[in-house]
Amino acid sequence: MRRLAPATALSLLPSLARAAELQDTLVPILVVGIVFGFSALVVGMVFYAVHRAQRLRHETIRLALEKGQPLPADLLDPPARRDPKLRDLRRGLLLLAFGIGVCLYLGLSPLAGVHREWPAGFVPGLMGLAYLATWAVGRSRTGQERTDGR
């Protein structure tokens, strides 16, 4: 193995320092770019899948009409995937559980330091409570309308 002379080794220090500065600059940019790039890729894949499903459905309807076949009602008007009445309940329970989980993680984690970060879980937790309140109010209103005969 060949050894460098001390003068040569000292002359390499400025270039190594520039390389370290470049690395310190590029790493955060690359990390942010990769995170947002993969997020955009996932969103794009979802949009493409929805577009492809609609295109195939329209193609099926067109072929059925060309051949004179009767169209099922589900093909023209697909049923809703989720009950809109339960949407607030589902969101509320998820956000409440997420808020509790964040509070527990930040309160019990040895990495948290002085354990003063745990109230951050109140934000999603209280949003979950608001969704649950909205669900309960909407449920009681629909119950009142039924008893009134409307």
N, C-alpha and C. Protein backbone atom coordinates (compact mmCIF):
# COMPACT_ATOMS: atom_id res chain seq x y z
N MET A 1 0.85 -1.17 0.00
CA MET A 1 0.00 0.00 0.00
C MET A 1 0.89 1.23 0.00
N ARG A 2 0.53 2.16 -0.81
CA ARG A 2 1.34 3.37 -0.97
C ARG A 2 0.88 4.42 0.01
N ARG A 3 1.82 5.05 0.67
CA ARG A 3 1.49 6.09 1.65
C ARG A 3 1.66 7.45 1.02
N LEU A 4 0.82 8.37 1.43
CA LEU A 4 0.90 9.74 0.93
C LEU A 4 1.88 10.54 1.78
N ALA A 5 2.54 11.45 1.13
CA ALA A 5 3.41 12.36 1.86
C ALA A 5 2.55 13.29 2.69
N PRO A 6 3.07 13.75 3.81
CA PRO A 6 2.27 14.66 4.65
C PRO A 6 1.80 15.89 3.91
N ALA A 7 2.59 16.44 3.04
CA ALA A 7 2.18 17.64 2.30
C ALA A 7 1.02 17.32 1.37
N THR A 8 1.03 16.15 0.75
CA THR A 8 -0.06 15.74 -0.14
C THR A 8 -1.33 15.50 0.65
N ALA A 9 -1.21 14.87 1.79
CA ALA A 9 -2.38 14.62 2.63
C ALA A 9 -3.01 15.93 3.09
N LEU A 10 -2.19 16.92 3.44
CA LEU A 10 -2.73 18.21 3.87
C LEU A 10 -3.40 18.94 2.70
N SER A 11 -2.91 18.73 1.50
CA SER A 11 -3.52 19.40 0.35
C SER A 11 -4.88 18.80 0.02
N LEU A 12 -5.16 17.58 0.44
CA LEU A 12 -6.47 16.95 0.20
C LEU A 12 -7.54 17.40 1.18
N LEU A 13 -7.17 17.97 2.30
CA LEU A 13 -8.14 18.38 3.32
C LEU A 13 -9.17 19.37 2.81
N PRO A 14 -8.80 20.41 2.06
CA PRO A 14 -9.84 21.34 1.57
C PRO A 14 -10.84 20.65 0.65
N SER A 15 -10.38 19.74 -0.19
CA SER A 15 -11.33 19.07 -1.08
C SER A 15 -12.24 18.12 -0.30
N LEU A 16 -11.72 17.49 0.75
CA LEU A 16 -12.56 16.65 1.60
C LEU A 16 -13.60 17.49 2.35
N ALA A 17 -13.20 18.68 2.77
CA ALA A 17 -14.14 19.57 3.47
C ALA A 17 -15.24 20.01 2.52
N ARG A 18 -14.89 20.32 1.26
CA ARG A 18 -15.90 20.70 0.26
C ARG A 18 -16.84 19.53 -0.02
N ALA A 19 -16.31 18.32 -0.07
CA ALA A 19 -17.15 17.15 -0.29
C ALA A 19 -18.11 16.94 0.87
N ALA A 20 -17.64 17.16 2.08
CA ALA A 20 -18.52 17.03 3.25
C ALA A 20 -19.61 18.10 3.23
N GLU A 21 -19.27 19.33 2.83
CA GLU A 21 -20.27 20.39 2.73
C GLU A 21 -21.29 20.06 1.65
N LEU A 22 -20.82 19.53 0.54
CA LEU A 22 -21.73 19.15 -0.54
C LEU A 22 -22.66 18.03 -0.07
N GLN A 23 -22.12 17.08 0.65
CA GLN A 23 -22.94 15.99 1.17
C GLN A 23 -23.96 16.52 2.17
N ASP A 24 -23.56 17.44 3.04
CA ASP A 24 -24.49 18.02 4.01
C ASP A 24 -25.59 18.81 3.32
N THR A 25 -25.32 19.32 2.13
CA THR A 25 -26.32 20.07 1.39
C THR A 25 -27.23 19.14 0.59
N LEU A 26 -26.65 18.13 -0.04
CA LEU A 26 -27.43 17.26 -0.92
C LEU A 26 -28.31 16.25 -0.20
N VAL A 27 -27.88 15.75 0.94
CA VAL A 27 -28.65 14.71 1.63
C VAL A 27 -30.05 15.19 1.99
N PRO A 28 -30.23 16.35 2.62
CA PRO A 28 -31.61 16.77 2.92
C PRO A 28 -32.45 16.99 1.66
N ILE A 29 -31.83 17.52 0.62
CA ILE A 29 -32.57 17.76 -0.61
C ILE A 29 -33.02 16.42 -1.21
N LEU A 30 -32.14 15.45 -1.23
CA LEU A 30 -32.48 14.14 -1.78
C LEU A 30 -33.55 13.44 -0.94
N VAL A 31 -33.44 13.55 0.37
CA VAL A 31 -34.43 12.89 1.24
C VAL A 31 -35.81 13.48 1.01
N VAL A 32 -35.91 14.80 0.97
CA VAL A 32 -37.20 15.45 0.75
C VAL A 32 -37.72 15.10 -0.65
N GLY A 33 -36.84 15.12 -1.64
CA GLY A 33 -37.24 14.78 -3.00
C GLY A 33 -37.74 13.36 -3.11
N ILE A 34 -37.07 12.43 -2.45
CA ILE A 34 -37.48 11.03 -2.51
C ILE A 34 -38.82 10.83 -1.81
N VAL A 35 -39.00 11.45 -0.64
CA VAL A 35 -40.26 11.30 0.10
C VAL A 35 -41.43 11.85 -0.72
N PHE A 36 -41.28 13.06 -1.24
CA PHE A 36 -42.37 13.63 -2.02
C PHE A 36 -42.53 12.93 -3.37
N GLY A 37 -41.43 12.47 -3.94
CA GLY A 37 -41.51 11.74 -5.20
C GLY A 37 -42.28 10.44 -5.06
N PHE A 38 -41.99 9.67 -4.02
CA PHE A 38 -42.73 8.42 -3.81
C PHE A 38 -44.18 8.69 -3.44
N SER A 39 -44.44 9.75 -2.70
CA SER A 39 -45.83 10.11 -2.38
C SER A 39 -46.59 10.44 -3.66
N ALA A 40 -45.97 11.23 -4.53
CA ALA A 40 -46.61 11.58 -5.80
C ALA A 40 -46.81 10.33 -6.66
N LEU A 41 -45.87 9.43 -6.61
CA LEU A 41 -45.99 8.18 -7.37
C LEU A 41 -47.17 7.36 -6.88
N VAL A 42 -47.36 7.25 -5.59
CA VAL A 42 -48.48 6.48 -5.04
C VAL A 42 -49.81 7.14 -5.41
N VAL A 43 -49.88 8.45 -5.30
CA VAL A 43 -51.12 9.16 -5.67
C VAL A 43 -51.40 8.97 -7.15
N GLY A 44 -50.37 9.06 -7.97
CA GLY A 44 -50.54 8.85 -9.41
C GLY A 44 -51.02 7.45 -9.72
N MET A 45 -50.51 6.45 -9.02
CA MET A 45 -50.94 5.08 -9.25
C MET A 45 -52.41 4.89 -8.88
N VAL A 46 -52.84 5.54 -7.79
CA VAL A 46 -54.25 5.44 -7.39
C VAL A 46 -55.14 6.09 -8.44
N PHE A 47 -54.76 7.29 -8.91
CA PHE A 47 -55.54 7.96 -9.94
C PHE A 47 -55.60 7.13 -11.22
N TYR A 48 -54.49 6.51 -11.59
CA TYR A 48 -54.47 5.68 -12.78
C TYR A 48 -55.39 4.46 -12.61
N ALA A 49 -55.38 3.84 -11.44
CA ALA A 49 -56.24 2.68 -11.21
C ALA A 49 -57.71 3.07 -11.30
N VAL A 50 -58.08 4.21 -10.73
CA VAL A 50 -59.47 4.66 -10.80
C VAL A 50 -59.86 4.97 -12.25
N HIS A 51 -58.95 5.63 -12.98
CA HIS A 51 -59.21 5.96 -14.38
C HIS A 51 -59.38 4.69 -15.21
N ARG A 52 -58.52 3.71 -14.96
CA ARG A 52 -58.58 2.46 -15.72
C ARG A 52 -59.88 1.70 -15.43
N ALA A 53 -60.31 1.70 -14.17
CA ALA A 53 -61.56 1.02 -13.81
C ALA A 53 -62.75 1.70 -14.50
N GLN A 54 -62.76 3.02 -14.52
CA GLN A 54 -63.85 3.73 -15.20
C GLN A 54 -63.83 3.48 -16.70
N ARG A 55 -62.64 3.45 -17.28
CA ARG A 55 -62.51 3.21 -18.72
C ARG A 55 -63.03 1.80 -19.06
N LEU A 56 -62.67 0.81 -18.26
CA LEU A 56 -63.15 -0.55 -18.50
C LEU A 56 -64.66 -0.66 -18.34
N ARG A 57 -65.21 0.04 -17.35
CA ARG A 57 -66.65 0.03 -17.15
C ARG A 57 -67.37 0.65 -18.35
N HIS A 58 -66.85 1.77 -18.83
CA HIS A 58 -67.47 2.42 -20.00
C HIS A 58 -67.34 1.55 -21.24
N GLU A 59 -66.22 0.88 -21.39
CA GLU A 59 -66.04 -0.02 -22.52
C GLU A 59 -67.03 -1.18 -22.46
N THR A 60 -67.26 -1.72 -21.27
CA THR A 60 -68.22 -2.81 -21.09
C THR A 60 -69.63 -2.33 -21.43
N ILE A 61 -69.98 -1.14 -20.99
CA ILE A 61 -71.31 -0.60 -21.30
C ILE A 61 -71.46 -0.40 -22.80
N ARG A 62 -70.44 0.12 -23.46
CA ARG A 62 -70.49 0.37 -24.90
C ARG A 62 -70.67 -0.95 -25.66
N LEU A 63 -69.89 -1.96 -25.28
CA LEU A 63 -70.01 -3.26 -25.96
C LEU A 63 -71.38 -3.89 -25.74
N ALA A 64 -71.90 -3.78 -24.52
CA ALA A 64 -73.23 -4.34 -24.24
C ALA A 64 -74.30 -3.64 -25.06
N LEU A 65 -74.20 -2.33 -25.20
CA LEU A 65 -75.19 -1.58 -25.99
C LEU A 65 -75.08 -1.92 -27.46
N GLU A 66 -73.87 -2.10 -27.97
CA GLU A 66 -73.69 -2.45 -29.38
C GLU A 66 -74.29 -3.82 -29.70
N LYS A 67 -74.21 -4.75 -28.74
CA LYS A 67 -74.73 -6.09 -28.97
C LYS A 67 -76.19 -6.23 -28.56
N GLY A 68 -76.78 -5.18 -28.02
CA GLY A 68 -78.18 -5.21 -27.65
C GLY A 68 -78.46 -5.94 -26.35
N GLN A 69 -77.49 -6.08 -25.51
CA GLN A 69 -77.65 -6.77 -24.23
C GLN A 69 -78.28 -5.82 -23.21
N PRO A 70 -79.08 -6.35 -22.30
CA PRO A 70 -79.61 -5.48 -21.23
C PRO A 70 -78.49 -5.12 -20.24
N LEU A 71 -78.57 -3.91 -19.72
CA LEU A 71 -77.55 -3.44 -18.77
C LEU A 71 -78.03 -3.62 -17.34
N PRO A 72 -77.22 -4.24 -16.49
CA PRO A 72 -77.60 -4.33 -15.08
C PRO A 72 -77.58 -2.94 -14.43
N ALA A 73 -78.44 -2.77 -13.44
CA ALA A 73 -78.51 -1.47 -12.77
C ALA A 73 -77.20 -1.14 -12.04
N ASP A 74 -76.52 -2.16 -11.54
CA ASP A 74 -75.25 -1.92 -10.84
C ASP A 74 -74.18 -1.40 -11.77
N LEU A 75 -74.27 -1.72 -13.05
CA LEU A 75 -73.27 -1.27 -13.99
C LEU A 75 -73.44 0.21 -14.31
N LEU A 76 -74.68 0.67 -14.38
CA LEU A 76 -74.93 2.08 -14.68
C LEU A 76 -74.75 2.96 -13.45
N ASP A 77 -75.22 2.50 -12.33
CA ASP A 77 -75.13 3.28 -11.10
C ASP A 77 -74.51 2.39 -10.02
N PRO A 78 -73.18 2.36 -9.92
CA PRO A 78 -72.55 1.46 -8.94
C PRO A 78 -72.92 1.87 -7.52
N PRO A 79 -73.11 0.89 -6.64
CA PRO A 79 -73.47 1.22 -5.26
C PRO A 79 -72.30 1.91 -4.55
N ALA A 80 -72.64 2.73 -3.57
CA ALA A 80 -71.62 3.42 -2.78
C ALA A 80 -70.82 2.39 -2.01
N ARG A 81 -69.51 2.64 -1.92
CA ARG A 81 -68.66 1.67 -1.23
C ARG A 81 -68.81 1.74 0.27
N ARG A 82 -69.05 2.92 0.79
CA ARG A 82 -69.18 3.07 2.24
C ARG A 82 -70.45 3.84 2.56
N ASP A 83 -70.99 3.55 3.71
CA ASP A 83 -72.19 4.25 4.15
C ASP A 83 -71.79 5.66 4.59
N PRO A 84 -72.31 6.70 3.95
CA PRO A 84 -71.91 8.06 4.32
C PRO A 84 -72.32 8.43 5.75
N LYS A 85 -73.31 7.73 6.31
CA LYS A 85 -73.73 8.03 7.68
C LYS A 85 -72.66 7.61 8.69
N LEU A 86 -71.88 6.60 8.33
CA LEU A 86 -70.85 6.10 9.25
C LEU A 86 -69.48 6.74 9.02
N ARG A 87 -69.37 7.63 8.04
CA ARG A 87 -68.08 8.24 7.72
C ARG A 87 -67.51 9.02 8.92
N ASP A 88 -68.35 9.84 9.58
CA ASP A 88 -67.87 10.61 10.72
C ASP A 88 -67.48 9.71 11.88
N LEU A 89 -68.23 8.63 12.08
CA LEU A 89 -67.90 7.69 13.15
C LEU A 89 -66.54 7.05 12.90
N ARG A 90 -66.31 6.60 11.67
CA ARG A 90 -65.04 5.95 11.32
C ARG A 90 -63.88 6.93 11.49
N ARG A 91 -64.01 8.12 10.94
CA ARG A 91 -62.94 9.12 11.05
C ARG A 91 -62.68 9.49 12.51
N GLY A 92 -63.76 9.66 13.26
CA GLY A 92 -63.61 10.03 14.66
C GLY A 92 -62.88 8.97 15.46
N LEU A 93 -63.25 7.73 15.26
CA LEU A 93 -62.58 6.65 16.00
C LEU A 93 -61.11 6.53 15.61
N LEU A 94 -60.82 6.66 14.31
CA LEU A 94 -59.42 6.57 13.86
C LEU A 94 -58.58 7.71 14.42
N LEU A 95 -59.09 8.94 14.35
CA LEU A 95 -58.32 10.08 14.85
C LEU A 95 -58.17 10.02 16.37
N LEU A 96 -59.20 9.59 17.07
CA LEU A 96 -59.10 9.47 18.52
C LEU A 96 -58.05 8.42 18.90
N ALA A 97 -58.07 7.28 18.24
CA ALA A 97 -57.08 6.24 18.51
C ALA A 97 -55.68 6.72 18.15
N PHE A 98 -55.54 7.44 17.05
CA PHE A 98 -54.24 7.96 16.66
C PHE A 98 -53.73 8.96 17.69
N GLY A 99 -54.60 9.84 18.18
CA GLY A 99 -54.20 10.82 19.19
C GLY A 99 -53.77 10.15 20.49
N ILE A 100 -54.50 9.13 20.90
CA ILE A 100 -54.13 8.39 22.11
C ILE A 100 -52.78 7.71 21.90
N GLY A 101 -52.59 7.12 20.73
CA GLY A 101 -51.32 6.46 20.42
C GLY A 101 -50.15 7.42 20.44
N VAL A 102 -50.33 8.61 19.88
CA VAL A 102 -49.25 9.61 19.88
C VAL A 102 -48.94 10.04 21.31
N CYS A 103 -49.98 10.28 22.11
CA CYS A 103 -49.75 10.66 23.51
C CYS A 103 -48.97 9.58 24.25
N LEU A 104 -49.38 8.34 24.08
CA LEU A 104 -48.69 7.24 24.78
C LEU A 104 -47.25 7.09 24.29
N TYR A 105 -47.06 7.16 22.97
CA TYR A 105 -45.71 6.99 22.43
C TYR A 105 -44.78 8.09 22.93
N LEU A 106 -45.23 9.33 22.82
CA LEU A 106 -44.36 10.44 23.22
C LEU A 106 -44.22 10.54 24.73
N GLY A 107 -45.19 10.06 25.48
CA GLY A 107 -45.10 10.11 26.93
C GLY A 107 -44.25 9.00 27.52
N LEU A 108 -44.24 7.84 26.87
CA LEU A 108 -43.53 6.69 27.41
C LEU A 108 -42.21 6.39 26.71
N SER A 109 -41.93 7.06 25.61
CA SER A 109 -40.72 6.78 24.84
C SER A 109 -39.48 7.29 25.55
N PRO A 110 -38.45 6.47 25.68
CA PRO A 110 -37.21 6.95 26.29
C PRO A 110 -36.47 7.92 25.37
N LEU A 111 -36.84 7.96 24.10
CA LEU A 111 -36.19 8.87 23.16
C LEU A 111 -36.74 10.28 23.25
N ALA A 112 -37.86 10.45 23.92
CA ALA A 112 -38.52 11.75 23.96
C ALA A 112 -37.81 12.74 24.87
N GLY A 113 -36.91 12.33 25.68
CA GLY A 113 -36.18 13.26 26.54
C GLY A 113 -36.94 13.58 27.80
N VAL A 114 -37.39 14.81 27.92
CA VAL A 114 -38.05 15.25 29.14
C VAL A 114 -39.55 14.98 29.14
N HIS A 115 -40.07 14.31 28.14
CA HIS A 115 -41.47 13.89 28.06
C HIS A 115 -42.44 15.07 28.07
N ARG A 116 -42.07 16.14 27.40
CA ARG A 116 -42.98 17.28 27.32
C ARG A 116 -43.68 17.35 25.97
N GLU A 117 -43.43 16.40 25.10
CA GLU A 117 -44.03 16.43 23.78
C GLU A 117 -45.36 15.70 23.72
N TRP A 118 -45.73 14.96 24.75
CA TRP A 118 -46.91 14.11 24.70
C TRP A 118 -48.21 14.85 24.42
N PRO A 119 -48.38 16.14 24.79
CA PRO A 119 -49.66 16.80 24.45
C PRO A 119 -49.88 16.98 22.95
N ALA A 120 -48.89 16.69 22.12
CA ALA A 120 -49.10 16.79 20.67
C ALA A 120 -50.19 15.83 20.20
N GLY A 121 -50.44 14.79 20.92
CA GLY A 121 -51.50 13.85 20.57
C GLY A 121 -52.90 14.40 20.80
N PHE A 122 -53.00 15.53 21.50
CA PHE A 122 -54.32 16.12 21.72
C PHE A 122 -54.93 16.65 20.43
N VAL A 123 -54.10 17.08 19.49
CA VAL A 123 -54.63 17.67 18.25
C VAL A 123 -55.45 16.63 17.47
N PRO A 124 -54.89 15.49 17.08
CA PRO A 124 -55.74 14.53 16.38
C PRO A 124 -56.82 13.92 17.29
N GLY A 125 -56.53 13.79 18.58
CA GLY A 125 -57.51 13.23 19.49
C GLY A 125 -58.75 14.11 19.60
N LEU A 126 -58.56 15.41 19.72
CA LEU A 126 -59.70 16.32 19.81
C LEU A 126 -60.43 16.43 18.48
N MET A 127 -59.70 16.30 17.38
CA MET A 127 -60.37 16.26 16.07
C MET A 127 -61.26 15.03 15.99
N GLY A 128 -60.77 13.91 16.52
CA GLY A 128 -61.57 12.69 16.54
C GLY A 128 -62.82 12.86 17.39
N LEU A 129 -62.68 13.52 18.53
CA LEU A 129 -63.86 13.78 19.37
C LEU A 129 -64.87 14.67 18.65
N ALA A 130 -64.37 15.64 17.87
CA ALA A 130 -65.28 16.51 17.11
C ALA A 130 -66.04 15.70 16.05
N TYR A 131 -65.35 14.79 15.38
CA TYR A 131 -66.05 13.93 14.41
C TYR A 131 -67.08 13.05 15.10
N LEU A 132 -66.74 12.51 16.26
CA LEU A 132 -67.71 11.69 16.99
C LEU A 132 -68.92 12.50 17.42
N ALA A 133 -68.69 13.75 17.83
CA ALA A 133 -69.81 14.63 18.20
C ALA A 133 -70.68 14.92 16.98
N THR A 134 -70.05 15.15 15.83
CA THR A 134 -70.81 15.40 14.60
C THR A 134 -71.64 14.18 14.23
N TRP A 135 -71.05 13.00 14.38
CA TRP A 135 -71.79 11.77 14.09
C TRP A 135 -72.98 11.61 15.03
N ALA A 136 -72.76 11.89 16.33
CA ALA A 136 -73.83 11.74 17.32
C ALA A 136 -74.96 12.75 17.06
N VAL A 137 -74.61 13.99 16.73
CA VAL A 137 -75.63 15.00 16.46
C VAL A 137 -76.41 14.62 15.20
N GLY A 138 -75.72 14.19 14.16
CA GLY A 138 -76.41 13.78 12.93
C GLY A 138 -77.29 12.57 13.16
N ARG A 139 -76.86 11.67 14.00
CA ARG A 139 -77.64 10.47 14.30
C ARG A 139 -78.90 10.84 15.08
N SER A 140 -78.76 11.76 16.05
CA SER A 140 -79.94 12.15 16.84
C SER A 140 -80.92 12.95 15.99
N ARG A 141 -80.43 13.74 15.04
CA ARG A 141 -81.34 14.49 14.16
C ARG A 141 -82.12 13.57 13.25
N THR A 142 -81.46 12.56 12.70
CA THR A 142 -82.19 11.64 11.84
C THR A 142 -83.19 10.83 12.66
N GLY A 143 -82.89 10.55 13.90
CA GLY A 143 -83.82 9.85 14.78
C GLY A 143 -85.05 10.70 15.09
N GLN A 144 -84.84 12.02 15.28
CA GLN A 144 -85.97 12.92 15.53
C GLN A 144 -86.86 13.05 14.31
N GLU A 145 -86.23 13.09 13.12
CA GLU A 145 -87.03 13.22 11.91
C GLU A 145 -87.91 11.99 11.71
N ARG A 146 -87.40 10.84 12.08
CA ARG A 146 -88.19 9.61 11.91
C ARG A 146 -89.40 9.59 12.85
N THR A 147 -89.20 10.09 14.08
CA THR A 147 -90.32 10.08 15.02
C THR A 147 -91.35 11.15 14.66
N ASP A 148 -90.92 12.22 13.98
CA ASP A 148 -91.86 13.26 13.58
C ASP A 148 -92.69 12.85 12.37
N GLY A 149 -92.24 11.81 11.67
CA GLY A 149 -92.97 11.34 10.51
C GLY A 149 -92.60 12.06 9.23
N ARG A 150 -91.48 12.73 9.21
CA ARG A 150 -91.05 13.45 7.99
C ARG A 150 -90.41 12.54 7.01
